[in-house]
Amino acid sequence: MAYMAQPSFLVAPDSSGPQFYSVRPFTRNPLNQPTGPAEHSDRLLCLDLLGSTSTKHLAAVEILTREVAMAESGTGPGVTGYHHFAPTVSDVEASAEWYARVFGMTRVPVAFPHHGGEQGGYAVVLTDPRSGIVLGLHHHDANPSQAFDERRTGLDHMAFAVASRADLDAWAQWLDSQGVENSGVVDTNDPVPYSVVVLRDPDHIQLELFYMAG
């Protein structure tokens, strides 16, 4: 069983059954690893992650959020990173095909309703199995199909990190082979040293492949 450490609790994937959460206390051993249910004060909140359904999912999230807020007194609850990027697109099927072809993403075989607009919108979700990046392409019935313009309030661009400067050369070559217009590799020191390849998706949304030395 694998465990993922968090600031004031522990998330423990469990295989005992699908679609439920359970909460119980755990303690640490000297190696800072969970040892089992605790009977003394050195406790962690342990959430067995079995999936998600409405009531149990929300209750578990509320418990974890409350625990983190208590542990980090005077600050808001923490986050662990970006979860997904979700642009609105004019043709969700064309965009899904493009991201799958250009970035090697895999489409999740179900549609996701748009929060607050379930009757007039949905998302097609793709994932990158190599990086774990999640992309949600949103369709809205009322979308007038205007081209993206970063000069309007909202998104400016999305940048994907790469592991090395050489990866940018490989990406520029790959984009050329796919007929995707791009900037080529741009090296700059303004205001700090970094390298980037700039491209745009079918809706003209600016994307970047970005490298900055550690």
Protein backbone atom coordinates (compact mmCIF):
# COMPACT_ATOMS: atom_id res chain seq x y z
CA MET A 1 0.00 0.00 0.00
CA ALA A 2 1.41 3.39 -0.97
CA TYR A 3 1.11 6.50 1.17
CA MET A 4 1.32 10.17 0.21
CA ALA A 5 2.45 12.49 2.99
CA GLN A 6 0.58 15.75 3.55
CA PRO A 7 1.17 18.60 6.04
CA SER A 8 -1.18 17.33 8.77
CA PHE A 9 -2.73 14.18 7.43
CA LEU A 10 -2.02 11.11 5.38
CA VAL A 11 -3.77 9.96 2.22
CA ALA A 12 -3.72 6.19 1.99
CA PRO A 13 -5.02 4.47 -1.17
CA ASP A 14 -6.98 1.40 -0.19
CA SER A 15 -8.19 -1.54 -2.31
CA SER A 16 -10.97 -2.70 0.02
CA GLY A 17 -13.71 -1.44 -2.27
CA PRO A 18 -14.60 1.22 -4.82
CA GLN A 19 -16.21 4.61 -4.44
CA PHE A 20 -15.99 5.32 -0.70
CA TYR A 21 -13.85 7.25 1.77
CA SER A 22 -13.08 6.29 5.35
CA VAL A 23 -11.16 8.25 7.98
CA ARG A 24 -9.13 6.87 10.87
CA PRO A 25 -6.08 8.00 12.91
CA PHE A 26 -2.56 6.80 12.21
CA THR A 27 0.74 7.32 14.01
CA ARG A 28 4.34 7.62 12.78
CA ASN A 29 7.34 5.45 13.53
CA PRO A 30 10.89 6.90 13.87
CA LEU A 31 11.29 6.78 10.09
CA ASN A 32 8.31 9.10 9.73
CA GLN A 33 6.21 6.35 8.18
CA PRO A 34 2.67 5.33 9.18
CA THR A 35 2.54 2.28 11.42
CA GLY A 36 -1.18 1.72 11.95
CA PRO A 37 -4.10 2.97 14.05
CA ALA A 38 -2.89 5.09 16.95
CA GLU A 39 -4.06 5.00 20.54
CA HIS A 40 -2.02 7.96 21.75
CA SER A 41 -1.74 11.66 20.92
CA ASP A 42 0.85 11.40 18.12
CA ARG A 43 -1.83 11.00 15.48
CA LEU A 44 -2.34 11.79 11.85
CA LEU A 45 -5.60 11.85 10.02
CA CYS A 46 -5.59 9.01 7.51
CA LEU A 47 -7.94 9.08 4.55
CA ASP A 48 -8.39 5.81 2.69
CA LEU A 49 -8.86 6.94 -0.88
CA LEU A 50 -11.22 4.59 -2.63
CA GLY A 51 -12.77 6.85 -5.24
CA SER A 52 -15.32 9.64 -4.98
CA THR A 53 -19.04 9.93 -4.58
CA SER A 54 -21.01 12.98 -3.57
CA THR A 55 -21.69 12.88 0.18
CA LYS A 56 -18.69 10.84 1.38
CA HIS A 57 -16.33 12.68 -0.96
CA LEU A 58 -17.42 16.11 0.26
CA ALA A 59 -17.28 15.05 3.91
CA ALA A 60 -13.73 13.74 3.50
CA VAL A 61 -12.57 16.87 1.72
CA GLU A 62 -14.11 19.07 4.40
CA ILE A 63 -12.35 17.09 7.14
CA LEU A 64 -8.98 17.33 5.41
CA THR A 65 -9.40 21.03 4.69
CA ARG A 66 -10.27 21.70 8.31
CA GLU A 67 -7.28 19.69 9.55
CA VAL A 68 -4.86 21.56 7.31
CA ALA A 69 -6.26 24.93 8.34
CA MET A 70 -5.84 23.98 12.00
CA ALA A 71 -2.26 22.82 11.44
CA GLU A 72 -1.31 25.97 9.56
CA SER A 73 -2.75 28.49 11.97
CA GLY A 74 -2.97 31.96 10.51
CA THR A 75 -2.65 30.82 6.90
CA GLY A 76 -5.03 29.40 4.34
CA PRO A 77 -5.01 25.69 3.49
CA GLY A 78 -2.14 24.64 1.22
CA VAL A 79 -2.21 23.31 -2.32
CA THR A 80 0.01 20.69 -3.91
CA GLY A 81 0.23 22.15 -7.43
CA TYR A 82 -1.83 22.80 -10.53
CA HIS A 83 -4.39 20.08 -11.25
CA HIS A 84 -5.59 20.89 -14.78
CA PHE A 85 -5.74 23.49 -17.51
CA ALA A 86 -9.23 24.08 -18.94
CA PRO A 87 -9.66 26.46 -21.88
CA THR A 88 -12.92 27.10 -23.71
CA VAL A 89 -12.60 26.10 -27.36
CA SER A 90 -14.76 26.67 -30.44
CA ASP A 91 -14.65 23.10 -31.77
CA VAL A 92 -14.04 20.64 -28.96
CA GLU A 93 -13.58 17.63 -31.24
CA ALA A 94 -11.05 19.39 -33.46
CA SER A 95 -9.12 20.64 -30.42
CA ALA A 96 -9.15 17.21 -28.78
CA GLU A 97 -7.70 15.67 -31.94
CA TRP A 98 -5.05 18.40 -32.14
CA TYR A 99 -3.86 18.04 -28.54
CA ALA A 100 -3.83 14.26 -28.86
CA ARG A 101 -1.77 14.44 -32.05
CA VAL A 102 0.63 17.21 -31.09
CA PHE A 103 1.16 16.44 -27.40
CA GLY A 104 0.46 12.70 -27.37
CA MET A 105 -2.42 13.10 -24.92
CA THR A 106 -4.99 10.40 -24.26
CA ARG A 107 -8.69 11.19 -24.22
CA VAL A 108 -10.80 10.18 -21.22
CA PRO A 109 -13.81 8.34 -22.70
CA VAL A 110 -16.50 10.33 -20.86
CA ALA A 111 -17.65 13.95 -21.01
CA PHE A 112 -17.55 16.13 -17.89
CA PRO A 113 -20.38 18.62 -17.20
CA HIS A 114 -19.45 22.27 -16.89
CA HIS A 115 -19.93 23.48 -13.30
CA GLY A 116 -22.82 25.93 -13.15
CA GLY A 117 -23.73 25.38 -16.79
CA GLU A 118 -24.42 21.69 -16.99
CA GLN A 119 -27.26 22.13 -19.49
CA GLY A 120 -25.22 24.17 -21.94
CA GLY A 121 -21.65 23.00 -21.64
CA TYR A 122 -19.30 20.10 -21.08
CA ALA A 123 -15.62 19.29 -21.17
CA VAL A 124 -13.59 16.72 -23.04
CA VAL A 125 -10.66 15.72 -20.82
CA LEU A 126 -7.26 14.53 -22.03
CA THR A 127 -4.27 13.40 -20.01
CA ASP A 128 -0.56 13.14 -20.73
CA PRO A 129 0.56 9.76 -19.37
CA ARG A 130 4.19 10.87 -19.22
CA SER A 131 3.80 14.06 -17.18
CA GLY A 132 0.41 13.57 -15.56
CA ILE A 133 -0.85 16.86 -17.04
CA VAL A 134 -4.65 17.05 -17.32
CA LEU A 135 -6.33 19.17 -19.99
CA GLY A 136 -10.06 19.96 -20.04
CA LEU A 137 -11.37 21.34 -23.33
CA HIS A 138 -14.67 23.11 -22.68
CA HIS A 139 -17.58 23.38 -25.09
CA HIS A 140 -20.31 25.96 -24.48
CA ASP A 141 -23.44 26.04 -26.62
CA ALA A 142 -23.48 29.84 -26.39
CA ASN A 143 -19.86 30.23 -27.53
CA PRO A 144 -19.84 32.68 -30.49
CA SER A 145 -16.66 30.96 -31.80
CA GLN A 146 -14.47 34.02 -31.54
CA ALA A 147 -10.74 33.49 -31.85
CA PHE A 148 -8.76 33.68 -28.62
CA ASP A 149 -7.15 37.04 -27.84
CA GLU A 150 -4.79 37.28 -24.87
CA ARG A 151 -5.28 41.05 -24.78
CA ARG A 152 -8.73 40.50 -23.26
CA THR A 153 -9.18 39.80 -19.55
CA GLY A 154 -8.63 36.13 -18.76
CA LEU A 155 -5.96 33.73 -19.92
CA ASP A 156 -2.74 34.99 -21.50
CA HIS A 157 -0.94 31.73 -22.18
CA MET A 158 -0.15 28.27 -20.81
CA ALA A 159 3.43 27.02 -20.48
CA PHE A 160 4.54 23.37 -20.38
CA ALA A 161 7.88 22.66 -18.71
CA VAL A 162 10.52 20.51 -20.38
CA ALA A 163 13.50 18.82 -18.76
CA SER A 164 16.34 20.31 -20.83
CA ARG A 165 17.29 22.88 -23.45
CA ALA A 166 17.84 20.03 -25.90
CA ASP A 167 14.20 19.01 -25.47
CA LEU A 168 13.17 22.35 -26.92
CA ASP A 169 15.15 21.60 -30.10
CA ALA A 170 13.36 18.25 -30.33
CA TRP A 171 9.99 19.93 -29.81
CA ALA A 172 10.65 22.52 -32.51
CA GLN A 173 11.48 19.74 -34.95
CA TRP A 174 8.39 17.75 -33.93
CA LEU A 175 6.11 20.76 -34.33
CA ASP A 176 7.55 21.44 -37.78
CA SER A 177 6.89 17.83 -38.77
CA GLN A 178 3.26 18.19 -37.62
CA GLY A 179 2.75 21.39 -39.55
CA VAL A 180 2.36 23.44 -36.37
CA GLU A 181 3.69 26.97 -36.74
CA ASN A 182 6.08 27.85 -33.93
CA SER A 183 8.74 30.36 -32.93
CA GLY A 184 11.62 27.90 -32.90
CA VAL A 185 13.78 27.94 -29.79
CA VAL A 186 14.16 31.44 -28.36
CA ASP A 187 16.93 31.99 -25.79
CA THR A 188 16.67 35.13 -23.70
CA ASN A 189 18.09 36.77 -20.59
CA ASP A 190 15.29 39.31 -20.20
CA PRO A 191 14.61 39.56 -17.30
CA VAL A 192 16.17 36.19 -16.37
CA PRO A 193 17.76 33.42 -18.47
CA TYR A 194 15.29 30.96 -20.00
CA SER A 195 14.49 29.27 -23.30
CA VAL A 196 11.09 28.83 -24.91
CA VAL A 197 9.21 27.59 -27.97
CA VAL A 198 5.95 29.45 -28.60
CA LEU A 199 3.02 27.99 -30.56
CA ARG A 200 -0.75 28.35 -30.78
CA ASP A 201 -3.57 25.82 -30.73
CA PRO A 202 -6.49 25.75 -33.21
CA ASP A 203 -8.25 28.58 -31.33
CA HIS A 204 -5.10 30.72 -31.34
CA ILE A 205 -4.51 30.09 -27.61
CA GLN A 206 -0.82 30.73 -26.97
CA LEU A 207 1.13 27.77 -25.59
CA GLU A 208 4.75 27.63 -24.56
CA LEU A 209 7.31 24.87 -24.12
CA PHE A 210 9.54 26.31 -21.43
CA TYR A 211 12.96 25.55 -20.00
CA MET A 212 14.78 27.36 -17.23
CA ALA A 213 17.99 26.00 -15.77
CA GLY A 214 17.77 25.12 -12.09
